[in-house]
Amino acid sequence: MRQSKSEITPFASAGVRGFLHSPEKSIGRGIVLTHGAGSDCNAPLLVKLANALTAAGFTVLRCDLPFRQERRRGLPTPAKSAADRAGLKAAATLLGALVRGDTLLGGHSYGGRQASMLAADEPGLASGLLLLSYPLHPPKKPDEQRVQHFPRIGTPCLFVHGTADPFGSIAELESATATIPAPKRLVAIEGAGHDLGGARFDPRLVIDALRAEAALRSSPAEG
């Protein structure tokens, strides 16, 4: 069977910088993927997932957050997190103009947290959230949960989380996400840490969950 061919091109527009993955056969859906606090858009997890999503027909914009555009190394500062959310909004807007269907926001760790905060502030910006290894709390500090915005999230959420993630256990995440009024689903990766298993991570788990969510939304109501 002939493998589908996708195109990966550098992307730079309106303050958004990264790579655009264009599928050979588009399903009309787009997804923004961004990185964690100590990484960038070339993180192996993001590249692997972006390639798999593109092979499945998604258009993917894999991009650096503004703090990473400013400097190649170092961690983001809370005082500038609003700028990172503004960068995500710009990325979602640009990608939305390139696809005929819905646009999702996705991110690993810090990137996912910023995506979820943006969705809470900007209802309707994205049709769904893909939150990889959501940093529920700092390691060994379970009382410092980063969930104040959860009750305001009206966007469907897909959480993908390792059972050995020090930033939050599966039980802690299940308890915290109960406050999210939007539909949500948690995919647990057995034995994985914050990197979701690294090279062993299987992107099909994400793709299958996104396909199931799309099928559910497109099915006619029974009655």
N, C-alpha and C. Protein backbone atom coordinates (compact mmCIF):
# COMPACT_ATOMS: atom_id res chain seq x y z
N MET A 1 0.85 -1.19 0.00
CA MET A 1 0.00 0.00 0.00
C MET A 1 0.88 1.24 0.00
N ARG A 2 0.56 2.18 -0.84
CA ARG A 2 1.33 3.41 -0.93
C ARG A 2 1.07 4.28 0.29
N GLN A 3 2.15 4.73 0.93
CA GLN A 3 2.01 5.60 2.09
C GLN A 3 1.61 7.01 1.66
N SER A 4 0.77 7.66 2.49
CA SER A 4 0.38 9.02 2.18
C SER A 4 1.57 9.95 2.39
N LYS A 5 1.62 10.99 1.60
CA LYS A 5 2.71 11.95 1.68
C LYS A 5 2.20 13.25 2.27
N SER A 6 2.89 13.73 3.28
CA SER A 6 2.55 15.02 3.86
C SER A 6 3.71 15.98 3.64
N GLU A 7 3.43 17.25 3.78
CA GLU A 7 4.43 18.28 3.55
C GLU A 7 4.66 19.05 4.84
N ILE A 8 5.92 19.22 5.21
CA ILE A 8 6.29 19.99 6.39
C ILE A 8 7.06 21.22 5.94
N THR A 9 6.52 22.39 6.25
CA THR A 9 7.17 23.63 5.80
C THR A 9 7.34 24.58 6.98
N PRO A 10 8.44 25.35 7.01
CA PRO A 10 8.59 26.37 8.05
C PRO A 10 7.43 27.37 7.97
N PHE A 11 7.00 27.83 9.13
CA PHE A 11 5.86 28.75 9.19
C PHE A 11 6.25 29.96 10.03
N ALA A 12 6.01 31.15 9.52
CA ALA A 12 6.26 32.38 10.27
C ALA A 12 5.29 33.44 9.78
N SER A 13 4.38 33.85 10.65
CA SER A 13 3.40 34.87 10.29
C SER A 13 2.77 35.43 11.55
N ALA A 14 2.62 36.75 11.58
CA ALA A 14 1.90 37.43 12.67
C ALA A 14 2.39 37.02 14.05
N GLY A 15 3.70 36.86 14.19
CA GLY A 15 4.26 36.51 15.48
C GLY A 15 4.23 35.03 15.81
N VAL A 16 3.73 34.22 14.89
CA VAL A 16 3.68 32.77 15.09
C VAL A 16 4.82 32.14 14.31
N ARG A 17 5.58 31.26 14.99
CA ARG A 17 6.74 30.64 14.35
C ARG A 17 6.76 29.15 14.63
N GLY A 18 6.97 28.37 13.58
CA GLY A 18 7.04 26.93 13.77
C GLY A 18 7.05 26.20 12.45
N PHE A 19 6.27 25.11 12.38
CA PHE A 19 6.22 24.28 11.19
C PHE A 19 4.78 23.89 10.91
N LEU A 20 4.42 23.96 9.64
CA LEU A 20 3.08 23.59 9.20
C LEU A 20 3.15 22.21 8.54
N HIS A 21 2.37 21.28 9.07
CA HIS A 21 2.28 19.93 8.52
C HIS A 21 0.99 19.86 7.69
N SER A 22 1.13 19.69 6.40
CA SER A 22 -0.03 19.65 5.50
C SER A 22 -0.23 18.22 5.00
N PRO A 23 -1.40 17.63 5.23
CA PRO A 23 -1.63 16.25 4.82
C PRO A 23 -1.86 16.12 3.33
N GLU A 24 -1.62 14.94 2.82
CA GLU A 24 -1.92 14.69 1.41
C GLU A 24 -3.43 14.69 1.19
N LYS A 25 -4.16 14.08 2.12
CA LYS A 25 -5.62 14.04 2.04
C LYS A 25 -6.18 14.60 3.33
N SER A 26 -6.62 15.83 3.29
CA SER A 26 -7.10 16.51 4.49
C SER A 26 -8.51 16.06 4.88
N ILE A 27 -8.73 15.94 6.19
CA ILE A 27 -10.08 15.67 6.70
C ILE A 27 -10.75 16.98 7.12
N GLY A 28 -10.05 18.10 6.89
CA GLY A 28 -10.63 19.40 7.17
C GLY A 28 -10.47 19.87 8.60
N ARG A 29 -9.75 19.12 9.42
CA ARG A 29 -9.55 19.50 10.82
C ARG A 29 -8.11 19.97 11.03
N GLY A 30 -7.94 20.96 11.90
CA GLY A 30 -6.62 21.48 12.20
C GLY A 30 -6.34 21.43 13.68
N ILE A 31 -5.06 21.34 14.03
CA ILE A 31 -4.69 21.34 15.44
C ILE A 31 -3.37 22.07 15.63
N VAL A 32 -3.36 22.96 16.61
CA VAL A 32 -2.14 23.65 17.03
C VAL A 32 -1.48 22.80 18.10
N LEU A 33 -0.19 22.54 17.96
CA LEU A 33 0.57 21.80 18.97
C LEU A 33 1.71 22.66 19.47
N THR A 34 1.83 22.78 20.78
CA THR A 34 2.94 23.54 21.34
C THR A 34 3.54 22.79 22.52
N HIS A 35 4.59 23.32 23.07
CA HIS A 35 5.52 22.59 23.91
C HIS A 35 5.43 22.94 25.39
N GLY A 36 6.24 22.23 26.17
CA GLY A 36 6.33 22.49 27.59
C GLY A 36 7.31 23.60 27.94
N ALA A 37 7.45 23.85 29.24
CA ALA A 37 8.23 24.99 29.71
C ALA A 37 9.71 24.89 29.36
N GLY A 38 10.26 23.69 29.35
CA GLY A 38 11.68 23.55 29.11
C GLY A 38 12.04 23.10 27.72
N SER A 39 11.09 23.16 26.81
CA SER A 39 11.31 22.61 25.48
C SER A 39 10.96 23.62 24.40
N ASP A 40 10.79 23.11 23.17
CA ASP A 40 10.36 23.93 22.05
C ASP A 40 9.56 23.07 21.10
N CYS A 41 9.19 23.62 19.95
CA CYS A 41 8.29 22.89 19.06
C CYS A 41 8.95 21.71 18.36
N ASN A 42 10.28 21.57 18.52
CA ASN A 42 10.98 20.42 17.96
C ASN A 42 11.11 19.27 18.95
N ALA A 43 10.39 19.34 20.06
CA ALA A 43 10.39 18.25 21.02
C ALA A 43 9.98 16.95 20.32
N PRO A 44 10.69 15.85 20.54
CA PRO A 44 10.39 14.59 19.85
C PRO A 44 8.92 14.16 19.99
N LEU A 45 8.32 14.39 21.16
CA LEU A 45 6.92 14.02 21.35
C LEU A 45 6.02 14.77 20.38
N LEU A 46 6.26 16.08 20.23
CA LEU A 46 5.42 16.89 19.34
C LEU A 46 5.63 16.50 17.88
N VAL A 47 6.88 16.27 17.50
CA VAL A 47 7.17 15.90 16.12
C VAL A 47 6.52 14.57 15.77
N LYS A 48 6.65 13.61 16.67
CA LYS A 48 6.07 12.29 16.44
C LYS A 48 4.55 12.38 16.33
N LEU A 49 3.94 13.13 17.24
CA LEU A 49 2.48 13.26 17.23
C LEU A 49 2.01 14.04 16.01
N ALA A 50 2.72 15.11 15.66
CA ALA A 50 2.33 15.90 14.50
C ALA A 50 2.39 15.07 13.23
N ASN A 51 3.43 14.27 13.07
CA ASN A 51 3.55 13.43 11.88
C ASN A 51 2.41 12.42 11.80
N ALA A 52 2.07 11.83 12.93
CA ALA A 52 0.99 10.84 12.94
C ALA A 52 -0.37 11.49 12.67
N LEU A 53 -0.61 12.66 13.25
CA LEU A 53 -1.86 13.36 13.01
C LEU A 53 -1.99 13.76 11.54
N THR A 54 -0.89 14.20 10.95
CA THR A 54 -0.92 14.59 9.54
C THR A 54 -1.20 13.40 8.65
N ALA A 55 -0.61 12.25 8.98
CA ALA A 55 -0.88 11.04 8.21
C ALA A 55 -2.35 10.64 8.31
N ALA A 56 -3.00 11.05 9.42
CA ALA A 56 -4.42 10.75 9.61
C ALA A 56 -5.32 11.83 9.01
N GLY A 57 -4.72 12.84 8.35
CA GLY A 57 -5.51 13.84 7.65
C GLY A 57 -5.65 15.18 8.33
N PHE A 58 -5.06 15.35 9.50
CA PHE A 58 -5.12 16.63 10.19
C PHE A 58 -4.07 17.59 9.61
N THR A 59 -4.40 18.87 9.57
CA THR A 59 -3.42 19.91 9.31
C THR A 59 -2.89 20.37 10.67
N VAL A 60 -1.58 20.34 10.85
CA VAL A 60 -0.99 20.60 12.17
C VAL A 60 -0.05 21.80 12.09
N LEU A 61 -0.24 22.73 13.01
CA LEU A 61 0.70 23.85 13.18
C LEU A 61 1.45 23.62 14.47
N ARG A 62 2.70 23.21 14.35
CA ARG A 62 3.58 22.92 15.48
C ARG A 62 4.43 24.16 15.72
N CYS A 63 4.20 24.84 16.84
CA CYS A 63 4.79 26.18 16.98
C CYS A 63 5.44 26.43 18.33
N ASP A 64 6.36 27.39 18.32
CA ASP A 64 7.01 27.86 19.54
C ASP A 64 6.16 28.93 20.20
N LEU A 65 6.06 28.85 21.51
CA LEU A 65 5.39 29.91 22.25
C LEU A 65 6.26 31.17 22.24
N PRO A 66 5.66 32.34 22.46
CA PRO A 66 6.44 33.59 22.43
C PRO A 66 7.66 33.61 23.34
N PHE A 67 7.57 33.01 24.53
CA PHE A 67 8.74 33.05 25.42
C PHE A 67 9.91 32.29 24.81
N ARG A 68 9.62 31.23 24.06
CA ARG A 68 10.69 30.48 23.42
C ARG A 68 11.22 31.19 22.18
N GLN A 69 10.39 31.98 21.55
CA GLN A 69 10.87 32.78 20.43
C GLN A 69 11.84 33.85 20.91
N GLU A 70 11.64 34.34 22.13
CA GLU A 70 12.52 35.37 22.68
C GLU A 70 13.89 34.82 23.04
N ARG A 71 13.94 33.60 23.54
CA ARG A 71 15.22 33.02 23.95
C ARG A 71 15.18 31.50 23.75
N ARG A 72 16.31 30.96 23.37
CA ARG A 72 16.39 29.54 23.03
C ARG A 72 16.35 28.65 24.26
N ARG A 73 16.75 29.17 25.41
CA ARG A 73 16.79 28.38 26.64
C ARG A 73 16.12 29.16 27.76
N GLY A 74 15.82 28.43 28.84
CA GLY A 74 15.21 29.08 29.99
C GLY A 74 13.73 28.79 30.09
N LEU A 75 13.18 29.08 31.25
CA LEU A 75 11.78 28.79 31.54
C LEU A 75 10.92 30.05 31.36
N PRO A 76 9.63 29.86 31.13
CA PRO A 76 8.74 31.02 31.02
C PRO A 76 8.55 31.68 32.38
N THR A 77 8.17 32.95 32.37
CA THR A 77 7.90 33.68 33.60
C THR A 77 6.40 33.95 33.70
N PRO A 78 5.83 33.78 34.90
CA PRO A 78 4.39 34.01 35.05
C PRO A 78 3.95 35.38 34.57
N ALA A 79 4.79 36.37 34.73
CA ALA A 79 4.41 37.74 34.34
C ALA A 79 4.18 37.87 32.85
N LYS A 80 4.73 36.94 32.05
CA LYS A 80 4.60 37.02 30.60
C LYS A 80 3.72 35.91 30.02
N SER A 81 3.02 35.19 30.88
CA SER A 81 2.21 34.07 30.38
C SER A 81 1.06 34.56 29.49
N ALA A 82 0.58 35.77 29.73
CA ALA A 82 -0.49 36.30 28.88
C ALA A 82 -0.01 36.43 27.44
N ALA A 83 1.26 36.76 27.26
CA ALA A 83 1.81 36.87 25.91
C ALA A 83 1.85 35.50 25.23
N ASP A 84 2.13 34.45 26.01
CA ASP A 84 2.12 33.11 25.45
C ASP A 84 0.71 32.71 25.01
N ARG A 85 -0.29 33.10 25.79
CA ARG A 85 -1.67 32.81 25.40
C ARG A 85 -2.07 33.61 24.16
N ALA A 86 -1.56 34.83 24.07
CA ALA A 86 -1.85 35.63 22.87
C ALA A 86 -1.22 34.99 21.64
N GLY A 87 -0.04 34.40 21.81
CA GLY A 87 0.59 33.70 20.71
C GLY A 87 -0.20 32.48 20.28
N LEU A 88 -0.75 31.77 21.25
CA LEU A 88 -1.59 30.61 20.94
C LEU A 88 -2.86 31.03 20.21
N LYS A 89 -3.44 32.14 20.64
CA LYS A 89 -4.64 32.64 19.97
C LYS A 89 -4.34 32.99 18.51
N ALA A 90 -3.19 33.64 18.28
CA ALA A 90 -2.81 33.98 16.92
C ALA A 90 -2.61 32.72 16.08
N ALA A 91 -1.99 31.69 16.67
CA ALA A 91 -1.77 30.44 15.95
C ALA A 91 -3.10 29.77 15.59
N ALA A 92 -4.04 29.76 16.54
CA ALA A 92 -5.34 29.16 16.27
C ALA A 92 -6.09 29.91 15.18
N THR A 93 -5.98 31.22 15.21
CA THR A 93 -6.66 32.04 14.19
C THR A 93 -6.08 31.81 12.81
N LEU A 94 -4.75 31.75 12.73
CA LEU A 94 -4.09 31.52 11.45
C LEU A 94 -4.41 30.14 10.90
N LEU A 95 -4.36 29.13 11.77
CA LEU A 95 -4.66 27.78 11.31
C LEU A 95 -6.12 27.65 10.91
N GLY A 96 -7.00 28.32 11.65
CA GLY A 96 -8.42 28.26 11.32
C GLY A 96 -8.72 28.78 9.93
N ALA A 97 -7.89 29.69 9.44
CA ALA A 97 -8.09 30.22 8.09
C ALA A 97 -7.60 29.25 7.02
N LEU A 98 -6.88 28.22 7.43
CA LEU A 98 -6.31 27.27 6.47
C LEU A 98 -7.11 25.98 6.33
N VAL A 99 -8.03 25.73 7.26
CA VAL A 99 -8.80 24.49 7.23
C VAL A 99 -10.28 24.81 7.11
N ARG A 100 -11.02 23.89 6.55
CA ARG A 100 -12.44 24.13 6.34
C ARG A 100 -13.29 23.71 7.54
N GLY A 101 -12.70 22.88 8.41
CA GLY A 101 -13.43 22.38 9.57
C GLY A 101 -12.97 23.02 10.86
N ASP A 102 -13.09 22.26 11.94
CA ASP A 102 -12.79 22.81 13.25
C ASP A 102 -11.30 22.84 13.54
N THR A 103 -10.94 23.65 14.53
CA THR A 103 -9.56 23.81 14.94
C THR A 103 -9.44 23.47 16.42
N LEU A 104 -8.44 22.67 16.75
CA LEU A 104 -8.18 22.28 18.12
C LEU A 104 -6.90 22.93 18.61
N LEU A 105 -6.82 23.08 19.93
CA LEU A 105 -5.61 23.60 20.57
C LEU A 105 -4.99 22.48 21.39
N GLY A 106 -3.71 22.23 21.19
CA GLY A 106 -3.05 21.18 21.93
C GLY A 106 -1.70 21.62 22.45
N GLY A 107 -1.31 21.05 23.56
CA GLY A 107 0.00 21.39 24.10
C GLY A 107 0.44 20.40 25.15
N HIS A 108 1.76 20.31 25.31
CA HIS A 108 2.35 19.46 26.33
C HIS A 108 2.67 20.29 27.56
N SER A 109 2.25 19.83 28.71
CA SER A 109 2.58 20.45 29.99
C SER A 109 2.21 21.93 30.01
N TYR A 110 3.20 22.82 30.13
CA TYR A 110 2.94 24.26 30.18
C TYR A 110 2.14 24.72 28.97
N GLY A 111 2.46 24.20 27.79
CA GLY A 111 1.72 24.59 26.59
C GLY A 111 0.25 24.22 26.69
N GLY A 112 -0.04 23.05 27.24
CA GLY A 112 -1.42 22.64 27.42
C GLY A 112 -2.13 23.47 28.46
N ARG A 113 -1.42 23.80 29.52
CA ARG A 113 -2.03 24.64 30.55
C ARG A 113 -2.42 26.00 29.98
N GLN A 114 -1.52 26.60 29.20
CA GLN A 114 -1.84 27.90 28.59
C GLN A 114 -3.00 27.76 27.60
N ALA A 115 -3.05 26.66 26.87
CA ALA A 115 -4.15 26.44 25.94
C ALA A 115 -5.48 26.35 26.69
N SER A 116 -5.47 25.67 27.83
CA SER A 116 -6.71 25.53 28.60
C SER A 116 -7.14 26.86 29.21
N MET A 117 -6.18 27.67 29.65
CA MET A 117 -6.52 28.99 30.18
C MET A 117 -7.06 29.90 29.09
N LEU A 118 -6.47 29.80 27.90
CA LEU A 118 -6.96 30.59 26.77
C LEU A 118 -8.38 30.18 26.41
N ALA A 119 -8.66 28.89 26.40
CA ALA A 119 -10.00 28.42 26.07
C ALA A 119 -11.02 28.89 27.10
N ALA A 120 -10.60 28.95 28.36
CA ALA A 120 -11.51 29.44 29.40
C ALA A 120 -11.84 30.91 29.19
N ASP A 121 -10.86 31.68 28.71
CA ASP A 121 -11.06 33.11 28.49
C ASP A 121 -11.71 33.43 27.14
N GLU A 122 -11.52 32.51 26.16
CA GLU A 122 -11.99 32.76 24.80
C GLU A 122 -12.89 31.62 24.32
N PRO A 123 -14.10 31.53 24.86
CA PRO A 123 -15.01 30.46 24.43
C PRO A 123 -15.26 30.52 22.93
N GLY A 124 -15.19 29.38 22.29
CA GLY A 124 -15.43 29.33 20.86
C GLY A 124 -14.20 29.48 20.01
N LEU A 125 -13.05 29.81 20.61
CA LEU A 125 -11.83 29.94 19.83
C LEU A 125 -11.42 28.60 19.22
N ALA A 126 -11.55 27.53 20.00
CA ALA A 126 -11.19 26.19 19.54
C ALA A 126 -12.36 25.25 19.78
N SER A 127 -12.42 24.21 18.97
CA SER A 127 -13.50 23.23 19.13
C SER A 127 -13.14 22.14 20.12
N GLY A 128 -11.86 22.06 20.49
CA GLY A 128 -11.44 21.03 21.42
C GLY A 128 -10.04 21.33 21.93
N LEU A 129 -9.70 20.71 23.06
CA LEU A 129 -8.39 20.85 23.67
C LEU A 129 -7.73 19.48 23.78
N LEU A 130 -6.46 19.41 23.41
CA LEU A 130 -5.65 18.21 23.61
C LEU A 130 -4.56 18.57 24.62
N LEU A 131 -4.69 18.04 25.84
CA LEU A 131 -3.82 18.42 26.94
C LEU A 131 -2.94 17.24 27.32
N LEU A 132 -1.69 17.31 26.90
CA LEU A 132 -0.72 16.24 27.12
C LEU A 132 0.04 16.50 28.41
N SER A 133 -0.04 15.58 29.36
CA SER A 133 0.68 15.71 30.64
C SER A 133 0.37 17.04 31.31
N TYR A 134 -0.91 17.31 31.53
CA TYR A 134 -1.28 18.57 32.17
C TYR A 134 -0.55 18.70 33.51
N PRO A 135 0.15 19.83 33.76
CA PRO A 135 0.92 20.00 34.99
C PRO A 135 0.02 20.41 36.15
N LEU A 136 -0.67 19.45 36.71
CA LEU A 136 -1.69 19.74 37.72
C LEU A 136 -1.11 20.48 38.92
N HIS A 137 0.07 20.09 39.33
CA HIS A 137 0.76 20.76 40.44
C HIS A 137 2.26 20.50 40.31
N PRO A 138 3.10 21.30 40.95
CA PRO A 138 4.53 21.01 40.93
C PRO A 138 4.80 19.67 41.61
N PRO A 139 5.84 18.95 41.21
CA PRO A 139 6.15 17.67 41.87
C PRO A 139 6.28 17.83 43.38
N LYS A 140 5.66 16.90 44.10
CA LYS A 140 5.68 16.84 45.57
C LYS A 140 4.98 18.02 46.23
N LYS A 141 4.17 18.76 45.46
CA LYS A 141 3.41 19.87 46.04
C LYS A 141 1.94 19.76 45.61
N PRO A 142 1.26 18.71 46.08
CA PRO A 142 -0.11 18.46 45.61
C PRO A 142 -1.12 19.53 46.02
N ASP A 143 -0.77 20.36 46.98
CA ASP A 143 -1.71 21.40 47.40
C ASP A 143 -1.67 22.64 46.51
N GLU A 144 -0.71 22.71 45.59
CA GLU A 144 -0.58 23.87 44.71
C GLU A 144 -1.14 23.56 43.33
N GLN A 145 -2.42 23.25 43.30
CA GLN A 145 -3.04 22.84 42.04
C GLN A 145 -3.34 24.03 41.14
N ARG A 146 -3.15 23.81 39.85
CA ARG A 146 -3.33 24.87 38.84
C ARG A 146 -4.66 24.63 38.12
N VAL A 147 -5.73 24.84 38.85
CA VAL A 147 -7.06 24.48 38.33
C VAL A 147 -8.09 25.58 38.49
N GLN A 148 -7.66 26.79 38.84
CA GLN A 148 -8.63 27.84 39.13
C GLN A 148 -9.56 28.13 37.95
N HIS A 149 -9.06 27.92 36.74
CA HIS A 149 -9.85 28.21 35.54
C HIS A 149 -10.70 27.04 35.07
N PHE A 150 -10.54 25.87 35.65
CA PHE A 150 -11.25 24.68 35.17
C PHE A 150 -12.78 24.87 35.11
N PRO A 151 -13.40 25.50 36.12
CA PRO A 151 -14.87 25.64 36.06
C PRO A 151 -15.35 26.54 34.92
N ARG A 152 -14.44 27.26 34.27
CA ARG A 152 -14.84 28.14 33.17
C ARG A 152 -14.54 27.54 31.79
N ILE A 153 -14.05 26.32 31.74
CA ILE A 153 -13.72 25.70 30.46
C ILE A 153 -14.98 25.10 29.84
N GLY A 154 -15.40 25.68 28.72
CA GLY A 154 -16.57 25.16 28.02
C GLY A 154 -16.21 24.40 26.76
N THR A 155 -14.93 24.13 26.57
CA THR A 155 -14.43 23.45 25.38
C THR A 155 -14.15 21.99 25.70
N PRO A 156 -14.60 21.06 24.89
CA PRO A 156 -14.31 19.63 25.15
C PRO A 156 -12.82 19.39 25.30
N CYS A 157 -12.46 18.54 26.27
CA CYS A 157 -11.05 18.32 26.61
C CYS A 157 -10.68 16.85 26.50
N LEU A 158 -9.52 16.61 25.91
CA LEU A 158 -8.92 15.28 25.92
C LEU A 158 -7.61 15.38 26.68
N PHE A 159 -7.56 14.75 27.85
CA PHE A 159 -6.34 14.71 28.65
C PHE A 159 -5.61 13.39 28.36
N VAL A 160 -4.31 13.48 28.12
CA VAL A 160 -3.47 12.29 27.95
C VAL A 160 -2.39 12.37 29.01
N HIS A 161 -2.35 11.37 29.90
CA HIS A 161 -1.55 11.50 31.12
C HIS A 161 -0.93 10.17 31.49
N GLY A 162 0.34 10.21 31.92
CA GLY A 162 1.03 9.01 32.37
C GLY A 162 0.70 8.67 33.81
N THR A 163 0.63 7.39 34.11
CA THR A 163 0.29 6.97 35.47
C THR A 163 1.42 7.23 36.45
N ALA A 164 2.63 7.53 35.95
CA ALA A 164 3.77 7.81 36.82
C ALA A 164 4.21 9.28 36.71
N ASP A 165 3.31 10.15 36.31
CA ASP A 165 3.64 11.57 36.14
C ASP A 165 3.72 12.24 37.51
N PRO A 166 4.88 12.81 37.88
CA PRO A 166 5.00 13.46 39.19
C PRO A 166 4.24 14.78 39.30
N PHE A 167 3.74 15.30 38.16
CA PHE A 167 2.99 16.55 38.19
C PHE A 167 1.50 16.32 38.48
N GLY A 168 1.13 15.10 38.80
CA GLY A 168 -0.26 14.80 39.13
C GLY A 168 -0.57 13.35 38.85
N SER A 169 -1.24 12.71 39.79
CA SER A 169 -1.65 11.32 39.59
C SER A 169 -2.94 11.27 38.78
N ILE A 170 -3.27 10.08 38.31
CA ILE A 170 -4.52 9.90 37.58
C ILE A 170 -5.70 10.23 38.48
N ALA A 171 -5.65 9.78 39.73
CA ALA A 171 -6.75 10.06 40.66
C ALA A 171 -6.90 11.56 40.92
N GLU A 172 -5.77 12.25 41.08
CA GLU A 172 -5.82 13.70 41.29
C GLU A 172 -6.40 14.41 40.07
N LEU A 173 -6.01 13.97 38.89
CA LEU A 173 -6.50 14.61 37.67
C LEU A 173 -7.99 14.35 37.48
N GLU A 174 -8.42 13.14 37.77
CA GLU A 174 -9.85 12.83 37.66
C GLU A 174 -10.67 13.70 38.60
N SER A 175 -10.17 13.89 39.81
CA SER A 175 -10.88 14.72 40.78
C SER A 175 -10.93 16.18 40.33
N ALA A 176 -9.80 16.68 39.83
CA ALA A 176 -9.73 18.07 39.40
C ALA A 176 -10.60 18.35 38.18
N THR A 177 -10.59 17.44 37.22
CA THR A 177 -11.34 17.68 35.98
C THR A 177 -12.84 17.54 36.17
N ALA A 178 -13.26 17.04 37.32
CA ALA A 178 -14.70 16.95 37.59
C ALA A 178 -15.33 18.34 37.65
N THR A 179 -14.51 19.36 37.85
CA THR A 179 -15.04 20.73 37.92
C THR A 179 -15.20 21.35 36.53
N ILE A 180 -14.72 20.69 35.49
CA ILE A 180 -14.84 21.20 34.12
C ILE A 180 -16.24 20.89 33.61
N PRO A 181 -17.04 21.89 33.25
CA PRO A 181 -18.41 21.62 32.81
C PRO A 181 -18.49 21.02 31.41
N ALA A 182 -17.45 21.20 30.60
CA ALA A 182 -17.46 20.68 29.22
C ALA A 182 -17.21 19.18 29.23
N PRO A 183 -17.56 18.50 28.14
CA PRO A 183 -17.22 17.07 28.02
C PRO A 183 -15.71 16.88 28.12
N LYS A 184 -15.29 15.84 28.80
CA LYS A 184 -13.86 15.59 28.93
C LYS A 184 -13.60 14.07 28.94
N ARG A 185 -12.39 13.74 28.53
CA ARG A 185 -11.98 12.34 28.50
C ARG A 185 -10.52 12.27 28.92
N LEU A 186 -10.19 11.23 29.68
CA LEU A 186 -8.82 11.03 30.14
C LEU A 186 -8.30 9.72 29.59
N VAL A 187 -7.19 9.80 28.86
CA VAL A 187 -6.50 8.61 28.37
C VAL A 187 -5.25 8.43 29.22
N ALA A 188 -5.19 7.35 29.98
CA ALA A 188 -4.06 7.09 30.86
C ALA A 188 -3.04 6.21 30.14
N ILE A 189 -1.77 6.61 30.24
CA ILE A 189 -0.68 5.84 29.65
C ILE A 189 0.05 5.10 30.78
N GLU A 190 -0.14 3.80 30.84
CA GLU A 190 0.37 3.00 31.94
C GLU A 190 1.90 3.06 32.02
N GLY A 191 2.38 3.44 33.21
CA GLY A 191 3.81 3.47 33.48
C GLY A 191 4.55 4.67 32.96
N ALA A 192 3.89 5.55 32.22
CA ALA A 192 4.57 6.69 31.61
C ALA A 192 4.72 7.84 32.61
N GLY A 193 5.81 8.58 32.46
CA GLY A 193 6.04 9.77 33.25
C GLY A 193 5.57 11.01 32.52
N HIS A 194 6.19 12.13 32.82
CA HIS A 194 5.74 13.40 32.24
C HIS A 194 6.00 13.47 30.74
N ASP A 195 6.93 12.65 30.25
CA ASP A 195 7.21 12.63 28.80
C ASP A 195 6.32 11.65 28.05
N LEU A 196 5.36 11.06 28.76
CA LEU A 196 4.39 10.12 28.17
C LEU A 196 5.06 8.88 27.56
N GLY A 197 6.20 8.52 28.10
CA GLY A 197 6.86 7.32 27.64
C GLY A 197 7.91 7.54 26.58
N GLY A 198 8.11 8.81 26.20
CA GLY A 198 9.16 9.11 25.24
C GLY A 198 8.98 8.39 23.93
N ALA A 199 10.00 7.66 23.52
CA ALA A 199 9.99 6.99 22.23
C ALA A 199 8.92 5.90 22.16
N ARG A 200 8.46 5.44 23.33
CA ARG A 200 7.44 4.37 23.35
C ARG A 200 6.02 4.91 23.17
N PHE A 201 5.86 6.22 23.22
CA PHE A 201 4.52 6.80 23.11
C PHE A 201 3.88 6.43 21.78
N ASP A 202 2.62 6.00 21.85
CA ASP A 202 1.89 5.59 20.65
C ASP A 202 0.87 6.66 20.28
N PRO A 203 1.10 7.44 19.24
CA PRO A 203 0.18 8.51 18.86
C PRO A 203 -1.21 8.01 18.48
N ARG A 204 -1.34 6.73 18.17
CA ARG A 204 -2.66 6.21 17.79
C ARG A 204 -3.67 6.35 18.91
N LEU A 205 -3.19 6.37 20.16
CA LEU A 205 -4.10 6.55 21.28
C LEU A 205 -4.79 7.91 21.19
N VAL A 206 -4.04 8.92 20.79
CA VAL A 206 -4.60 10.26 20.64
C VAL A 206 -5.51 10.32 19.42
N ILE A 207 -5.05 9.78 18.31
CA ILE A 207 -5.82 9.84 17.07
C ILE A 207 -7.14 9.10 17.21
N ASP A 208 -7.11 7.94 17.83
CA ASP A 208 -8.35 7.17 18.02
C ASP A 208 -9.33 7.94 18.89
N ALA A 209 -8.82 8.60 19.94
CA ALA A 209 -9.69 9.36 20.83
C ALA A 209 -10.29 10.57 20.11
N LEU A 210 -9.50 11.25 19.29
CA LEU A 210 -10.00 12.40 18.54
C LEU A 210 -11.03 11.96 17.50
N ARG A 211 -10.81 10.83 16.87
CA ARG A 211 -11.78 10.31 15.91
C ARG A 211 -13.09 9.95 16.59
N ALA A 212 -12.99 9.34 17.77
CA ALA A 212 -14.21 8.98 18.50
C ALA A 212 -14.99 10.21 18.91
N GLU A 213 -14.27 11.25 19.34
CA GLU A 213 -14.93 12.51 19.73
C GLU A 213 -15.63 13.14 18.54
N ALA A 214 -14.97 13.14 17.37
CA ALA A 214 -15.57 13.72 16.17
C ALA A 214 -16.79 12.93 15.72
N ALA A 215 -16.70 11.62 15.82
CA ALA A 215 -17.83 10.79 15.43
C ALA A 215 -19.03 11.01 16.34
N LEU A 216 -18.76 11.21 17.62
CA LEU A 216 -19.83 11.46 18.58
C LEU A 216 -20.53 12.78 18.29
N ARG A 217 -19.74 13.81 17.96
CA ARG A 217 -20.33 15.12 17.69
C ARG A 217 -21.11 15.14 16.37
N SER A 218 -20.70 14.30 15.42
CA SER A 218 -21.35 14.32 14.11
C SER A 218 -22.53 13.34 13.99
N SER A 219 -22.71 12.51 15.05
CA SER A 219 -23.80 11.54 14.99
C SER A 219 -25.13 12.23 15.24
N PRO A 220 -26.19 11.83 14.53
CA PRO A 220 -27.52 12.42 14.78
C PRO A 220 -28.04 12.02 16.14
N ALA A 221 -28.76 12.91 16.77
CA ALA A 221 -29.30 12.61 18.09
C ALA A 221 -30.38 11.56 17.98
N GLU A 222 -30.41 10.68 19.00
CA GLU A 222 -31.43 9.63 19.04
C GLU A 222 -32.67 10.17 19.73
N GLY A 223 -33.79 9.60 19.37
CA GLY A 223 -35.01 10.03 20.06
C GLY A 223 -36.21 9.87 19.16
